[in-house]
C-alpha cells in the first residue's frame, strides 16, 4: 500500500517536533546573555562571564566546575575566540551552557531540561498537507556568491550569509525569485521568507524552507508544506535572521507550520 502524501508529511513533522522538543534544544534555553568586557553573573549559569580579544572568560567560584570536552573546568578559564555562528558547549549538571558568537557579539545561552518553555510545549499546528504546494522551480546561481546582510529578531544585531544564487518559480499567478543560502547538507539550499499569511496564520518575522540540491539542469523542488518556524517563534532568547530584502511573497502560502499555540 502506497503511503499517502499526508502520512508522509505526518511522519516528517513528527520527527521535526521530536528534534524541536529535545531536552537541550532551543526550547530549553533559559537566558540570552550578551557578554562585555565587564564580568557578569547570571542566575542560570555558574561563575562570572566576560569577553575580550582573547575570547570568552569564565571565573568559577570555590566548588563550582564545568564539564568540557577536555575535562573539568575550574577557576579561571578562557575559551578560544569563536568565528561568527560558531559555538561551544559545556555542561553544569543537567544544564548545557552554549557559548556562541552571533552578529559579532559573544553570548551565553544556558539550556535546562527543566525550562518552563519546554515543559509547556504541546506541539506546533500546521496546515493540512496539500500537494499543490509542492512547486517545481529553477535555481539560478550568481556569477560569484554574494554576501547578504540581513536583520535579526534581536535588536541591533545583523547577520551576514553567503548566497550562491536565487530560486525562480511560479505560485498563485506570481513569478517570484527568492534569494537562497547554502544549506546544512552538501549542495542543499535554504530560504527565509514571509508571505501574505505572515502575522495572520503564520509567524510574522520569518519562515524557513529546506531545498534539496538542484538537479544538473538547475531544477529544484520547493515543498512549502515543510516550511517551518525558526526558534524565535517560540522563545525570546533567539537571534534568528530575518528574510533578505525581496523575499516577501505576495501570494498567501497556506502551507507549512502555523503560529505556535
C-alpha atoms as a PDB file:
ATOM      1  CA  UNK A   1       0.000   0.000   0.000  1.00  0.00           C
ATOM      2  CA  UNK A   2       1.359   3.396  -1.003  1.00  0.00           C
ATOM      3  CA  UNK A   3       1.815   5.856   1.845  1.00  0.00           C
ATOM      4  CA  UNK A   4      -0.374   8.906   1.331  1.00  0.00           C
ATOM      5  CA  UNK A   5       1.089  12.382   0.971  1.00  0.00           C
ATOM      6  CA  UNK A   6      -0.426  13.388   4.321  1.00  0.00           C
ATOM      7  CA  UNK A   7       1.064  10.310   6.017  1.00  0.00           C
ATOM      8  CA  UNK A   8       4.498  11.135   4.628  1.00  0.00           C
ATOM      9  CA  UNK A   9       4.157  14.678   5.947  1.00  0.00           C
ATOM     10  CA  UNK A  10       2.938  13.436   9.333  1.00  0.00           C
ATOM     11  CA  UNK A  11       5.987  11.204   9.645  1.00  0.00           C
ATOM     12  CA  UNK A  12       8.329  14.055   8.702  1.00  0.00           C
ATOM     13  CA  UNK A  13       6.682  16.513  11.088  1.00  0.00           C
ATOM     14  CA  UNK A  14       6.712  14.045  13.978  1.00  0.00           C
ATOM     15  CA  UNK A  15      10.480  13.772  13.580  1.00  0.00           C
ATOM     16  CA  UNK A  16      10.829  17.545  13.342  1.00  0.00           C
ATOM     17  CA  UNK A  17       8.778  18.036  16.512  1.00  0.00           C
ATOM     18  CA  UNK A  18      10.883  15.451  18.344  1.00  0.00           C
ATOM     19  CA  UNK A  19      14.064  17.340  17.483  1.00  0.00           C
ATOM     20  CA  UNK A  20      12.448  20.646  18.466  1.00  0.00           C
ATOM     21  CA  UNK A  21      11.497  19.292  21.907  1.00  0.00           C
ATOM     22  CA  UNK A  22      14.955  17.857  22.621  1.00  0.00           C
ATOM     23  CA  UNK A  23      15.787  18.278  26.349  1.00  0.00           C
ATOM     24  CA  UNK A  24      18.679  20.555  25.370  1.00  0.00           C
ATOM     25  CA  UNK A  25      17.146  22.137  22.259  1.00  0.00           C
ATOM     26  CA  UNK A  26      16.217  25.773  21.835  1.00  0.00           C
ATOM     27  CA  UNK A  27      13.011  25.360  23.855  1.00  0.00           C
ATOM     28  CA  UNK A  28      15.272  24.609  26.822  1.00  0.00           C
ATOM     29  CA  UNK A  29      17.095  27.965  26.648  1.00  0.00           C
ATOM     30  CA  UNK A  30      16.595  29.952  29.866  1.00  0.00           C
ATOM     31  CA  UNK A  31      18.507  33.122  29.013  1.00  0.00           C
ATOM     32  CA  UNK A  32      20.331  35.046  26.282  1.00  0.00           C
ATOM     33  CA  UNK A  33      23.258  36.817  27.937  1.00  0.00           C
ATOM     34  CA  UNK A  34      25.271  39.330  25.893  1.00  0.00           C
ATOM     35  CA  UNK A  35      28.850  39.437  27.111  1.00  0.00           C
ATOM     36  CA  UNK A  36      31.047  42.522  27.503  1.00  0.00           C
ATOM     37  CA  UNK A  37      34.484  43.228  28.955  1.00  0.00           C
ATOM     38  CA  UNK A  38      32.832  43.680  32.368  1.00  0.00           C
ATOM     39  CA  UNK A  39      32.338  40.368  34.236  1.00  0.00           C
ATOM     40  CA  UNK A  40      28.673  39.466  34.769  1.00  0.00           C
ATOM     41  CA  UNK A  41      26.955  36.759  36.811  1.00  0.00           C
ATOM     42  CA  UNK A  42      23.737  35.075  35.708  1.00  0.00           C
ATOM     43  CA  UNK A  43      21.109  33.231  37.706  1.00  0.00           C
ATOM     44  CA  UNK A  44      21.059  30.265  35.315  1.00  0.00           C
ATOM     45  CA  UNK A  45      24.826  29.670  34.989  1.00  0.00           C
ATOM     46  CA  UNK A  46      27.701  29.397  37.457  1.00  0.00           C
ATOM     47  CA  UNK A  47      30.615  31.827  37.640  1.00  0.00           C
ATOM     48  CA  UNK A  48      31.085  35.287  36.163  1.00  0.00           C
ATOM     49  CA  UNK A  49      31.455  35.802  32.418  1.00  0.00           C
ATOM     50  CA  UNK A  50      33.182  38.349  30.208  1.00  0.00           C
ATOM     51  CA  UNK A  51      34.684  38.583  26.735  1.00  0.00           C
ATOM     52  CA  UNK A  52      37.591  40.256  25.005  1.00  0.00           C
ATOM     53  CA  UNK A  53      40.117  39.809  22.176  1.00  0.00           C
ATOM     54  CA  UNK A  54      41.349  36.539  23.701  1.00  0.00           C
ATOM     55  CA  UNK A  55      37.845  35.014  23.825  1.00  0.00           C
ATOM     56  CA  UNK A  56      35.153  34.378  26.419  1.00  0.00           C
ATOM     57  CA  UNK A  57      36.375  34.068  30.006  1.00  0.00           C
ATOM     58  CA  UNK A  58      34.558  32.442  32.915  1.00  0.00           C
ATOM     59  CA  UNK A  59      35.679  32.769  36.530  1.00  0.00           C
ATOM     60  CA  UNK A  60      34.278  29.954  38.659  1.00  0.00           C
ATOM     61  CA  UNK A  61      33.978  30.140  42.431  1.00  0.00           C
ATOM     62  CA  UNK A  62      35.037  27.605  45.025  1.00  0.00           C
ATOM     63  CA  UNK A  63      33.183  24.343  44.495  1.00  0.00           C
ATOM     64  CA  UNK A  64      31.998  25.352  41.002  1.00  0.00           C
ATOM     65  CA  UNK A  65      33.062  23.471  37.886  1.00  0.00           C
ATOM     66  CA  UNK A  66      32.017  22.931  34.284  1.00  0.00           C
ATOM     67  CA  UNK A  67      32.471  19.833  32.172  1.00  0.00           C
ATOM     68  CA  UNK A  68      34.107  20.457  28.787  1.00  0.00           C
ATOM     69  CA  UNK A  69      35.337  18.203  26.005  1.00  0.00           C
ATOM     70  CA  UNK A  70      38.821  18.180  27.543  1.00  0.00           C
ATOM     71  CA  UNK A  71      37.598  17.511  31.082  1.00  0.00           C
ATOM     72  CA  UNK A  72      36.568  19.552  34.130  1.00  0.00           C
ATOM     73  CA  UNK A  73      36.935  23.344  34.074  1.00  0.00           C
ATOM     74  CA  UNK A  74      37.624  25.155  37.357  1.00  0.00           C
ATOM     75  CA  UNK A  75      38.901  28.568  38.418  1.00  0.00           C
ATOM     76  CA  UNK A  76      39.520  30.996  35.551  1.00  0.00           C
ATOM     77  CA  UNK A  77      39.194  29.654  32.021  1.00  0.00           C
ATOM     78  CA  UNK A  78      39.314  31.439  28.645  1.00  0.00           C
ATOM     79  CA  UNK A  79      37.734  29.771  25.631  1.00  0.00           C
ATOM     80  CA  UNK A  80      39.341  30.216  22.211  1.00  0.00           C
ATOM     81  CA  UNK A  81      37.869  33.076  20.142  1.00  0.00           C
ATOM     82  CA  UNK A  82      34.825  31.977  18.136  1.00  0.00           C
ATOM     83  CA  UNK A  83      34.087  32.566  14.480  1.00  0.00           C
ATOM     84  CA  UNK A  84      30.713  34.029  13.538  1.00  0.00           C
ATOM     85  CA  UNK A  85      27.869  31.479  14.056  1.00  0.00           C
ATOM     86  CA  UNK A  86      30.266  29.097  15.825  1.00  0.00           C
ATOM     87  CA  UNK A  87      29.620  27.796  19.323  1.00  0.00           C
ATOM     88  CA  UNK A  88      30.997  25.554  22.044  1.00  0.00           C
ATOM     89  CA  UNK A  89      29.016  23.783  24.756  1.00  0.00           C
ATOM     90  CA  UNK A  90      29.967  22.923  28.327  1.00  0.00           C
ATOM     91  CA  UNK A  91      27.869  21.209  30.995  1.00  0.00           C
ATOM     92  CA  UNK A  92      26.881  22.074  34.546  1.00  0.00           C
ATOM     93  CA  UNK A  93      24.973  19.097  35.889  1.00  0.00           C
ATOM     94  CA  UNK A  94      21.892  18.667  33.677  1.00  0.00           C
ATOM     95  CA  UNK A  95      22.354  22.149  32.219  1.00  0.00           C
ATOM     96  CA  UNK A  96      24.278  22.674  28.996  1.00  0.00           C
ATOM     97  CA  UNK A  97      25.761  26.114  28.514  1.00  0.00           C
ATOM     98  CA  UNK A  98      26.140  27.296  24.934  1.00  0.00           C
ATOM     99  CA  UNK A  99      28.888  29.856  24.316  1.00  0.00           C
ATOM    100  CA  UNK A 100      28.329  31.352  20.877  1.00  0.00           C
ATOM    101  CA  UNK A 101      29.085  34.262  18.576  1.00  0.00           C
ATOM    102  CA  UNK A 102      26.113  35.877  16.901  1.00  0.00           C
ATOM    103  CA  UNK A 103      26.115  39.082  14.869  1.00  0.00           C
ATOM    104  CA  UNK A 104      29.617  39.943  16.040  1.00  0.00           C
ATOM    105  CA  UNK A 105      28.767  39.507  19.729  1.00  0.00           C
ATOM    106  CA  UNK A 106      29.663  36.744  22.178  1.00  0.00           C
ATOM    107  CA  UNK A 107      26.717  35.296  24.093  1.00  0.00           C
ATOM    108  CA  UNK A 108      25.990  32.684  26.744  1.00  0.00           C
ATOM    109  CA  UNK A 109      22.765  30.656  26.489  1.00  0.00           C
ATOM    110  CA  UNK A 110      22.093  28.033  29.175  1.00  0.00           C
ATOM    111  CA  UNK A 111      19.859  25.132  28.133  1.00  0.00           C
ATOM    112  CA  UNK A 112      17.996  23.489  31.000  1.00  0.00           C
ATOM    113  CA  UNK A 113      15.703  20.455  30.522  1.00  0.00           C
ATOM    114  CA  UNK A 114      13.536  21.970  33.291  1.00  0.00           C
ATOM    115  CA  UNK A 115      12.878  25.121  31.208  1.00  0.00           C
ATOM    116  CA  UNK A 116       9.253  26.260  31.621  1.00  0.00           C
ATOM    117  CA  UNK A 117       9.018  26.905  27.873  1.00  0.00           C
ATOM    118  CA  UNK A 118       9.962  23.298  27.133  1.00  0.00           C
ATOM    119  CA  UNK A 119       7.679  21.968  29.869  1.00  0.00           C
ATOM    120  CA  UNK A 120       4.718  23.905  28.461  1.00  0.00           C
ATOM    121  CA  UNK A 121       5.313  22.918  24.823  1.00  0.00           C
ATOM    122  CA  UNK A 122       2.459  20.877  23.336  1.00  0.00           C
ATOM    123  CA  UNK A 123       3.347  20.944  19.639  1.00  0.00           C
ATOM    124  CA  UNK A 124       3.068  23.194  16.598  1.00  0.00           C
ATOM    125  CA  UNK A 125      -0.084  23.252  14.445  1.00  0.00           C
ATOM    126  CA  UNK A 126       0.192  23.266  10.665  1.00  0.00           C
ATOM    127  CA  UNK A 127      -1.890  23.476   7.537  1.00  0.00           C
ATOM    128  CA  UNK A 128      -3.075  20.112   6.185  1.00  0.00           C
ATOM    129  CA  UNK A 129      -0.538  18.746   3.719  1.00  0.00           C
ATOM    130  CA  UNK A 130      -1.509  19.665   0.159  1.00  0.00           C
ATOM    131  CA  UNK A 131       0.360  18.537  -2.943  1.00  0.00           C
ATOM    132  CA  UNK A 132      -0.474  21.782  -4.751  1.00  0.00           C
ATOM    133  CA  UNK A 133       2.179  23.437  -2.577  1.00  0.00           C
ATOM    134  CA  UNK A 134       4.922  21.185  -3.929  1.00  0.00           C
ATOM    135  CA  UNK A 135       6.339  23.554  -6.539  1.00  0.00           C
ATOM    136  CA  UNK A 136       8.997  22.986  -9.184  1.00  0.00           C
ATOM    137  CA  UNK A 137      11.464  25.833  -9.509  1.00  0.00           C
ATOM    138  CA  UNK A 138      14.772  26.697 -11.123  1.00  0.00           C
ATOM    139  CA  UNK A 139      17.975  27.518  -9.313  1.00  0.00           C
ATOM    140  CA  UNK A 140      19.876  30.388 -10.921  1.00  0.00           C
ATOM    141  CA  UNK A 141      23.395  30.728  -9.488  1.00  0.00           C
ATOM    142  CA  UNK A 142      25.144  34.078  -9.265  1.00  0.00           C
ATOM    143  CA  UNK A 143      28.395  34.510 -11.194  1.00  0.00           C
ATOM    144  CA  UNK A 144      30.050  34.653  -7.763  1.00  0.00           C
ATOM    145  CA  UNK A 145      28.492  34.008  -4.336  1.00  0.00           C
ATOM    146  CA  UNK A 146      27.313  37.222  -2.687  1.00  0.00           C
ATOM    147  CA  UNK A 147      27.444  38.212   0.982  1.00  0.00           C
ATOM    148  CA  UNK A 148      23.911  39.180   2.030  1.00  0.00           C
ATOM    149  CA  UNK A 149      23.327  41.200   5.201  1.00  0.00           C
ATOM    150  CA  UNK A 150      20.006  40.600   6.943  1.00  0.00           C
ATOM    151  CA  UNK A 151      18.458  41.870  10.140  1.00  0.00           C
ATOM    152  CA  UNK A 152      17.662  39.856  13.237  1.00  0.00           C
ATOM    153  CA  UNK A 153      14.839  39.488  15.721  1.00  0.00           C
ATOM    154  CA  UNK A 154      17.437  40.617  18.272  1.00  0.00           C
ATOM    155  CA  UNK A 155      17.607  44.411  18.213  1.00  0.00           C
ATOM    156  CA  UNK A 156      20.900  45.816  16.964  1.00  0.00           C
ATOM    157  CA  UNK A 157      22.122  42.507  15.521  1.00  0.00           C
ATOM    158  CA  UNK A 158      22.805  41.782  11.859  1.00  0.00           C
ATOM    159  CA  UNK A 159      23.753  38.521  10.190  1.00  0.00           C
ATOM    160  CA  UNK A 160      25.800  38.055   7.018  1.00  0.00           C
ATOM    161  CA  UNK A 161      25.202  34.927   4.939  1.00  0.00           C
ATOM    162  CA  UNK A 162      26.754  33.860   1.673  1.00  0.00           C
ATOM    163  CA  UNK A 163      24.160  33.475  -1.068  1.00  0.00           C
ATOM    164  CA  UNK A 164      25.041  31.291  -4.052  1.00  0.00           C
ATOM    165  CA  UNK A 165      22.033  32.369  -6.123  1.00  0.00           C
ATOM    166  CA  UNK A 166      18.266  32.627  -6.428  1.00  0.00           C
ATOM    167  CA  UNK A 167      15.355  30.260  -6.973  1.00  0.00           C
ATOM    168  CA  UNK A 168      12.651  31.174  -9.500  1.00  0.00           C
ATOM    169  CA  UNK A 169       9.203  29.563  -9.534  1.00  0.00           C
ATOM    170  CA  UNK A 170       5.518  30.209 -10.094  1.00  0.00           C
ATOM    171  CA  UNK A 171       2.805  30.289  -7.419  1.00  0.00           C
ATOM    172  CA  UNK A 172      -0.614  31.888  -7.233  1.00  0.00           C
ATOM    173  CA  UNK A 173      -0.218  33.563 -10.580  1.00  0.00           C
ATOM    174  CA  UNK A 174       3.039  35.218  -9.480  1.00  0.00           C
ATOM    175  CA  UNK A 175       6.610  34.514 -10.652  1.00  0.00           C
ATOM    176  CA  UNK A 176       8.808  35.329  -7.660  1.00  0.00           C
ATOM    177  CA  UNK A 177      12.537  34.825  -7.221  1.00  0.00           C
ATOM    178  CA  UNK A 178      13.895  34.157  -3.742  1.00  0.00           C
ATOM    179  CA  UNK A 179      17.449  34.719  -2.566  1.00  0.00           C
ATOM    180  CA  UNK A 180      18.737  31.437  -1.111  1.00  0.00           C
ATOM    181  CA  UNK A 181      21.567  30.498   1.238  1.00  0.00           C
ATOM    182  CA  UNK A 182      23.726  27.390   1.486  1.00  0.00           C
ATOM    183  CA  UNK A 183      22.049  24.590   3.445  1.00  0.00           C
ATOM    184  CA  UNK A 184      23.498  22.322   6.106  1.00  0.00           C
ATOM    185  CA  UNK A 185      23.821  19.329   3.749  1.00  0.00           C
ATOM    186  CA  UNK A 186      26.324  19.463   0.856  1.00  0.00           C
ATOM    187  CA  UNK A 187      24.780  21.156  -2.167  1.00  0.00           C
ATOM    188  CA  UNK A 188      21.498  21.894  -0.392  1.00  0.00           C
ATOM    189  CA  UNK A 189      19.896  25.303  -0.027  1.00  0.00           C
ATOM    190  CA  UNK A 190      17.595  27.025   2.417  1.00  0.00           C
ATOM    191  CA  UNK A 191      15.417  30.068   2.105  1.00  0.00           C
ATOM    192  CA  UNK A 192      13.968  32.544   4.594  1.00  0.00           C
ATOM    193  CA  UNK A 193      10.731  34.167   3.514  1.00  0.00           C
ATOM    194  CA  UNK A 194       7.456  35.752   4.506  1.00  0.00           C
ATOM    195  CA  UNK A 195       4.194  35.807   2.567  1.00  0.00           C
ATOM    196  CA  UNK A 196       0.620  37.093   2.742  1.00  0.00           C
ATOM    197  CA  UNK A 197      -0.166  34.754   5.665  1.00  0.00           C
ATOM    198  CA  UNK A 198       2.674  36.124   7.829  1.00  0.00           C
ATOM    199  CA  UNK A 199       1.370  37.662  11.036  1.00  0.00           C
ATOM    200  CA  UNK A 200      -2.098  36.243  10.391  1.00  0.00           C
ATOM    201  CA  UNK A 201      -1.887  32.456  10.451  1.00  0.00           C
ATOM    202  CA  UNK A 202       1.889  32.012  10.242  1.00  0.00           C
ATOM    203  CA  UNK A 203       4.716  33.526  12.286  1.00  0.00           C
ATOM    204  CA  UNK A 204       5.216  37.167  11.349  1.00  0.00           C
ATOM    205  CA  UNK A 205       9.009  37.502  11.274  1.00  0.00           C
ATOM    206  CA  UNK A 206      10.145  34.642   9.082  1.00  0.00           C
ATOM    207  CA  UNK A 207       9.673  31.117   7.803  1.00  0.00           C
ATOM    208  CA  UNK A 208      12.354  28.661   6.736  1.00  0.00           C
ATOM    209  CA  UNK A 209      12.354  26.101   3.929  1.00  0.00           C
ATOM    210  CA  UNK A 210      14.976  23.462   3.129  1.00  0.00           C
ATOM    211  CA  UNK A 211      15.651  22.785  -0.564  1.00  0.00           C
ATOM    212  CA  UNK A 212      17.408  19.611  -1.709  1.00  0.00           C
ATOM    213  CA  UNK A 213      20.438  20.010  -4.034  1.00  0.00           C
ATOM    214  CA  UNK A 214      19.453  21.200  -7.506  1.00  0.00           C
ATOM    215  CA  UNK A 215      19.413  18.736 -10.396  1.00  0.00           C
ATOM    216  CA  UNK A 216      22.037  19.064 -13.134  1.00  0.00           C
ATOM    217  CA  UNK A 217      19.716  21.371 -15.107  1.00  0.00           C
ATOM    218  CA  UNK A 218      19.029  23.576 -12.062  1.00  0.00           C
ATOM    219  CA  UNK A 219      15.596  22.123 -11.291  1.00  0.00           C
ATOM    220  CA  UNK A 220      14.619  22.269  -7.615  1.00  0.00           C
ATOM    221  CA  UNK A 221      11.564  21.247  -5.617  1.00  0.00           C
ATOM    222  CA  UNK A 222      10.055  23.637  -3.080  1.00  0.00           C
ATOM    223  CA  UNK A 223       7.716  21.749  -0.756  1.00  0.00           C
ATOM    224  CA  UNK A 224       6.077  24.579   1.170  1.00  0.00           C
ATOM    225  CA  UNK A 225       4.248  22.008   3.278  1.00  0.00           C
ATOM    226  CA  UNK A 226       7.604  21.675   5.045  1.00  0.00           C
ATOM    227  CA  UNK A 227       8.027  25.376   5.776  1.00  0.00           C
ATOM    228  CA  UNK A 228       8.976  25.579   9.446  1.00  0.00           C
ATOM    229  CA  UNK A 229       9.191  28.106  12.239  1.00  0.00           C
ATOM    230  CA  UNK A 230      12.556  29.290  13.478  1.00  0.00           C
ATOM    231  CA  UNK A 231      13.395  29.311  17.216  1.00  0.00           C
ATOM    232  CA  UNK A 232      12.314  32.953  17.588  1.00  0.00           C
ATOM    233  CA  UNK A 233       8.693  31.852  17.135  1.00  0.00           C
ATOM    234  CA  UNK A 234       8.956  30.074  20.494  1.00  0.00           C
ATOM    235  CA  UNK A 235      11.462  31.898  22.670  1.00  0.00           C
ATOM    236  CA  UNK A 236      12.657  35.441  23.278  1.00  0.00           C
ATOM    237  CA  UNK A 237      16.183  34.065  23.720  1.00  0.00           C
ATOM    238  CA  UNK A 238      16.864  33.712  19.985  1.00  0.00           C
ATOM    239  CA  UNK A 239      18.851  35.726  17.432  1.00  0.00           C
ATOM    240  CA  UNK A 240      17.120  34.399  14.308  1.00  0.00           C
ATOM    241  CA  UNK A 241      17.801  36.141  10.986  1.00  0.00           C
ATOM    242  CA  UNK A 242      15.103  37.984   9.090  1.00  0.00           C
ATOM    243  CA  UNK A 243      14.486  37.252   5.399  1.00  0.00           C
ATOM    244  CA  UNK A 244      16.562  39.131   2.818  1.00  0.00           C
ATOM    245  CA  UNK A 245      15.020  42.141   1.136  1.00  0.00           C
ATOM    246  CA  UNK A 246      12.773  40.894  -1.662  1.00  0.00           C
ATOM    247  CA  UNK A 247      11.918  37.563  -0.042  1.00  0.00           C
ATOM    248  CA  UNK A 248       8.340  38.547   0.762  1.00  0.00           C
ATOM    249  CA  UNK A 249       5.868  36.651  -1.408  1.00  0.00           C
ATOM    250  CA  UNK A 250       2.680  38.432  -2.431  1.00  0.00           C
ATOM    251  CA  UNK A 251       0.795  35.133  -2.526  1.00  0.00           C
ATOM    252  CA  UNK A 252      -0.681  33.539   0.606  1.00  0.00           C
ATOM    253  CA  UNK A 253       1.298  30.330   1.082  1.00  0.00           C
ATOM    254  CA  UNK A 254      -1.292  28.333   3.027  1.00  0.00           C
ATOM    255  CA  UNK A 255       1.098  25.501   3.805  1.00  0.00           C
ATOM    256  CA  UNK A 256       3.550  24.563   6.499  1.00  0.00           C
ATOM    257  CA  UNK A 257       3.668  25.370  10.195  1.00  0.00           C
ATOM    258  CA  UNK A 258       1.301  27.868  11.776  1.00  0.00           C
ATOM    259  CA  UNK A 259       1.800  30.326  14.646  1.00  0.00           C
ATOM    260  CA  UNK A 260       2.639  28.255  17.750  1.00  0.00           C
ATOM    261  CA  UNK A 261      -0.110  27.976  20.348  1.00  0.00           C
END
